[in-house]
N, C-alpha and C. Protein backbone atom coordinates (compact mmCIF):
# COMPACT_ATOMS: atom_id res chain seq x y z
N MET A 1 84.24 88.26 8.10
CA MET A 1 85.24 88.56 9.11
C MET A 1 85.56 90.20 8.54
N LEU A 2 85.29 90.91 9.91
CA LEU A 2 85.36 92.36 9.51
C LEU A 2 86.95 92.74 9.96
N ALA A 3 87.58 93.54 9.38
CA ALA A 3 88.93 94.13 9.71
C ALA A 3 89.04 95.83 10.27
N THR A 4 89.71 95.71 10.70
CA THR A 4 90.57 97.45 10.99
C THR A 4 91.49 97.66 10.77
N ILE A 5 91.56 98.44 10.23
CA ILE A 5 92.63 98.99 9.28
C ILE A 5 93.36 100.15 9.68
N VAL A 6 94.40 100.32 9.97
CA VAL A 6 95.11 101.62 10.43
C VAL A 6 96.11 102.14 9.37
N TYR A 7 96.02 103.13 8.97
CA TYR A 7 97.05 103.62 7.90
C TYR A 7 97.02 105.26 8.34
N ALA A 8 97.79 105.64 7.34
CA ALA A 8 98.33 107.23 7.32
C ALA A 8 98.38 107.92 5.85
N ILE A 9 97.79 108.82 5.92
CA ILE A 9 98.12 109.93 4.71
C ILE A 9 99.02 110.96 4.84
N ASN A 10 100.27 110.43 3.76
CA ASN A 10 101.11 111.54 3.78
C ASN A 10 100.84 112.36 2.59
N PRO A 11 100.71 113.95 2.83
CA PRO A 11 100.21 114.50 1.90
C PRO A 11 101.40 114.90 0.73
N LYS A 12 102.66 114.19 0.90
CA LYS A 12 103.53 114.36 -0.03
C LYS A 12 103.50 113.01 -1.24
N GLN A 13 102.61 112.19 -0.84
CA GLN A 13 102.64 111.18 -1.75
C GLN A 13 101.28 110.54 -1.92
N ASP A 14 100.91 109.83 -3.33
CA ASP A 14 99.71 109.62 -3.83
C ASP A 14 98.68 108.67 -3.17
N THR A 15 99.96 107.18 -2.53
CA THR A 15 99.30 106.11 -1.91
C THR A 15 99.33 106.35 -0.18
N PRO A 16 98.40 105.72 0.32
CA PRO A 16 98.47 105.93 1.81
C PRO A 16 99.78 104.94 2.46
N VAL A 17 100.23 105.39 3.72
CA VAL A 17 101.00 104.47 4.28
C VAL A 17 100.34 103.61 5.08
N GLU A 18 101.18 102.14 4.65
CA GLU A 18 100.85 100.91 5.12
C GLU A 18 100.86 100.88 6.76
N GLY A 19 99.78 100.87 7.69
CA GLY A 19 100.26 100.54 9.37
C GLY A 19 100.00 98.99 9.41
N PHE A 20 98.54 98.77 10.05
CA PHE A 20 98.43 97.40 10.35
C PHE A 20 97.16 97.21 10.26
N THR A 21 96.57 95.79 10.25
CA THR A 21 95.12 95.37 10.14
C THR A 21 94.97 94.62 11.61
N SER A 22 93.71 94.85 12.62
CA SER A 22 93.19 93.83 13.09
C SER A 22 92.11 93.29 12.89
N PHE A 23 92.09 91.92 13.07
CA PHE A 23 90.61 91.20 12.64
C PHE A 23 89.97 90.94 13.64
N SER A 24 88.48 90.91 13.37
CA SER A 24 87.38 90.76 14.31
C SER A 24 86.79 89.58 13.61
N PRO A 25 86.11 88.88 14.96
CA PRO A 25 84.73 88.10 14.27
C PRO A 25 83.48 88.26 14.11
N THR A 26 83.22 89.46 14.91
CA THR A 26 81.97 90.29 14.92
C THR A 26 81.73 91.41 14.23
N SER A 27 80.76 92.41 13.94
CA SER A 27 81.00 93.71 13.99
C SER A 27 81.15 94.31 14.83
N GLU A 28 80.48 94.09 16.08
CA GLU A 28 80.49 94.71 17.38
C GLU A 28 81.79 94.84 18.13
N ASN A 29 82.60 93.39 17.83
CA ASN A 29 83.80 93.48 18.18
C ASN A 29 85.06 94.49 17.25
N ALA A 30 84.66 94.63 16.14
CA ALA A 30 85.38 95.73 15.21
C ALA A 30 84.87 96.79 15.55
N LEU A 31 84.00 97.31 15.76
CA LEU A 31 83.68 98.62 16.08
C LEU A 31 84.18 99.25 17.68
N LYS A 32 83.86 98.24 18.41
CA LYS A 32 84.76 98.52 19.64
C LYS A 32 86.42 98.54 19.51
N ARG A 33 86.95 97.54 18.67
CA ARG A 33 88.19 97.71 18.43
C ARG A 33 88.62 99.04 17.81
N LYS A 34 88.03 99.72 16.91
CA LYS A 34 88.23 100.86 16.00
C LYS A 34 88.20 102.06 17.30
N ALA A 35 87.03 102.02 18.05
CA ALA A 35 86.98 102.96 19.01
C ALA A 35 87.89 103.05 20.04
N GLU A 36 88.74 101.92 20.16
CA GLU A 36 89.76 101.76 21.48
C GLU A 36 90.93 102.21 20.82
N LEU A 37 91.37 101.97 19.32
CA LEU A 37 92.13 102.35 18.83
C LEU A 37 92.35 103.74 18.31
N GLU A 38 91.47 104.21 18.08
CA GLU A 38 91.15 105.68 18.42
C GLU A 38 91.46 106.70 19.34
N ALA A 39 91.13 106.31 20.52
CA ALA A 39 91.01 106.70 21.69
C ALA A 39 92.85 106.35 22.31
N GLN A 40 93.22 105.28 21.99
CA GLN A 40 94.44 105.04 22.53
C GLN A 40 95.59 105.96 21.80
N ILE A 41 95.69 105.86 20.83
CA ILE A 41 96.04 106.81 19.91
C ILE A 41 96.18 108.26 20.10
N GLN A 42 94.63 108.60 20.38
CA GLN A 42 94.46 109.91 20.62
C GLN A 42 95.26 110.16 22.12
N ALA A 43 95.26 109.56 23.00
CA ALA A 43 95.33 109.87 24.11
C ALA A 43 96.88 109.15 24.50
N GLY A 44 97.77 108.84 23.26
CA GLY A 44 99.22 108.46 23.91
C GLY A 44 99.38 107.02 24.45
N SER A 45 98.18 106.44 24.68
CA SER A 45 98.33 105.25 25.38
C SER A 45 98.87 104.00 24.37
N TYR A 46 99.13 104.19 23.17
CA TYR A 46 99.49 103.48 22.04
C TYR A 46 100.95 103.03 22.63
N LYS A 47 101.46 103.78 23.14
CA LYS A 47 103.09 103.82 23.42
C LYS A 47 103.18 102.42 24.49
N ARG A 48 101.83 101.87 25.08
CA ARG A 48 102.02 100.42 25.85
C ARG A 48 101.95 99.54 25.31
N TRP A 49 101.33 99.58 23.82
CA TRP A 49 101.26 98.48 22.96
C TRP A 49 102.29 97.22 23.14
N SER A 50 102.10 95.98 22.99
CA SER A 50 103.02 94.99 23.05
C SER A 50 103.75 94.89 21.74
N GLY A 51 103.09 95.30 20.40
CA GLY A 51 103.70 95.17 19.34
C GLY A 51 104.45 96.40 18.80
N GLN A 52 105.68 96.19 19.14
CA GLN A 52 106.46 97.63 18.76
C GLN A 52 106.74 98.00 17.40
N TRP A 53 106.41 97.26 16.28
CA TRP A 53 106.49 97.90 15.27
C TRP A 53 104.97 98.62 14.91
N ARG A 54 104.06 98.28 15.70
CA ARG A 54 102.64 99.53 15.54
C ARG A 54 103.33 100.40 16.24
N VAL A 55 103.72 100.30 17.60
CA VAL A 55 104.25 101.98 18.41
C VAL A 55 105.11 102.60 17.66
N ASP A 56 106.05 101.84 16.55
CA ASP A 56 106.92 102.70 15.87
C ASP A 56 106.18 103.29 14.81
N PHE A 57 105.53 102.69 14.23
CA PHE A 57 104.32 103.49 13.06
C PHE A 57 103.44 104.72 13.54
N VAL A 58 103.00 104.23 14.45
CA VAL A 58 102.28 105.56 15.28
C VAL A 58 103.05 106.81 15.45
N ASP A 59 104.05 106.53 15.89
CA ASP A 59 105.14 107.38 16.59
C ASP A 59 105.89 108.25 15.04
N ARG A 60 106.07 107.32 13.88
CA ARG A 60 106.31 107.92 12.91
C ARG A 60 105.28 108.97 12.35
N CYS A 61 104.31 108.31 12.02
CA CYS A 61 103.08 109.29 11.72
C CYS A 61 102.90 110.52 12.48
N LYS A 62 102.92 110.53 13.75
CA LYS A 62 102.83 111.77 14.90
C LYS A 62 104.03 112.72 14.38
N ASN A 63 105.15 112.19 13.83
CA ASN A 63 106.50 112.99 14.16
C ASN A 63 106.49 113.41 12.75
N HIS A 64 105.87 112.99 11.93
CA HIS A 64 105.65 113.45 10.49
C HIS A 64 104.71 114.31 10.28
N GLY A 65 103.59 114.48 11.19
CA GLY A 65 102.51 115.06 11.38
C GLY A 65 101.30 114.55 9.94
N TRP A 66 101.56 113.29 9.91
CA TRP A 66 100.77 112.70 8.96
C TRP A 66 99.18 112.47 9.50
N GLU A 67 98.32 112.46 8.65
CA GLU A 67 96.93 111.79 9.48
C GLU A 67 96.88 110.52 9.75
N ILE A 68 96.31 109.98 10.75
CA ILE A 68 96.20 108.36 10.75
C ILE A 68 94.74 108.21 10.64
N VAL A 69 94.92 107.07 9.96
CA VAL A 69 93.18 107.09 9.68
C VAL A 69 92.83 105.30 10.42
N ILE A 70 91.70 105.51 10.44
CA ILE A 70 90.93 104.10 11.12
C ILE A 70 89.86 103.72 10.62
N LYS A 71 89.79 102.85 9.80
CA LYS A 71 88.33 102.30 9.49
C LYS A 71 88.16 100.81 9.06
N ASN A 72 86.84 100.48 9.53
CA ASN A 72 86.49 99.14 9.53
C ASN A 72 86.00 98.62 7.94
N CYS A 73 86.43 97.43 7.55
CA CYS A 73 85.81 96.90 6.28
C CYS A 73 85.50 95.40 6.19
N MET A 74 84.97 95.04 5.24
CA MET A 74 84.68 93.78 5.57
C MET A 74 85.61 92.71 4.60
N ILE A 75 85.90 91.81 4.89
CA ILE A 75 87.26 91.04 4.22
C ILE A 75 86.37 89.60 4.16
N GLY A 76 86.58 89.27 3.11
CA GLY A 76 86.23 87.77 2.72
C GLY A 76 85.08 87.67 2.45
């Protein structure tokens, strides 16, 4: 199973700021999910996400000027 991991880089600390993970059953779905998340965060449409804590995470990162990183990795 592939996971799409969203985290942020705070230049004032050594460890990444944890965000959230989305799981996909196929690599095609994971790549599509990554592209969708990148586009939604870039365009600001993430504010319509149903998960408020995810919206709050992206808002906090943007307010602090932290780089948001989205990557795919194999789980299991």
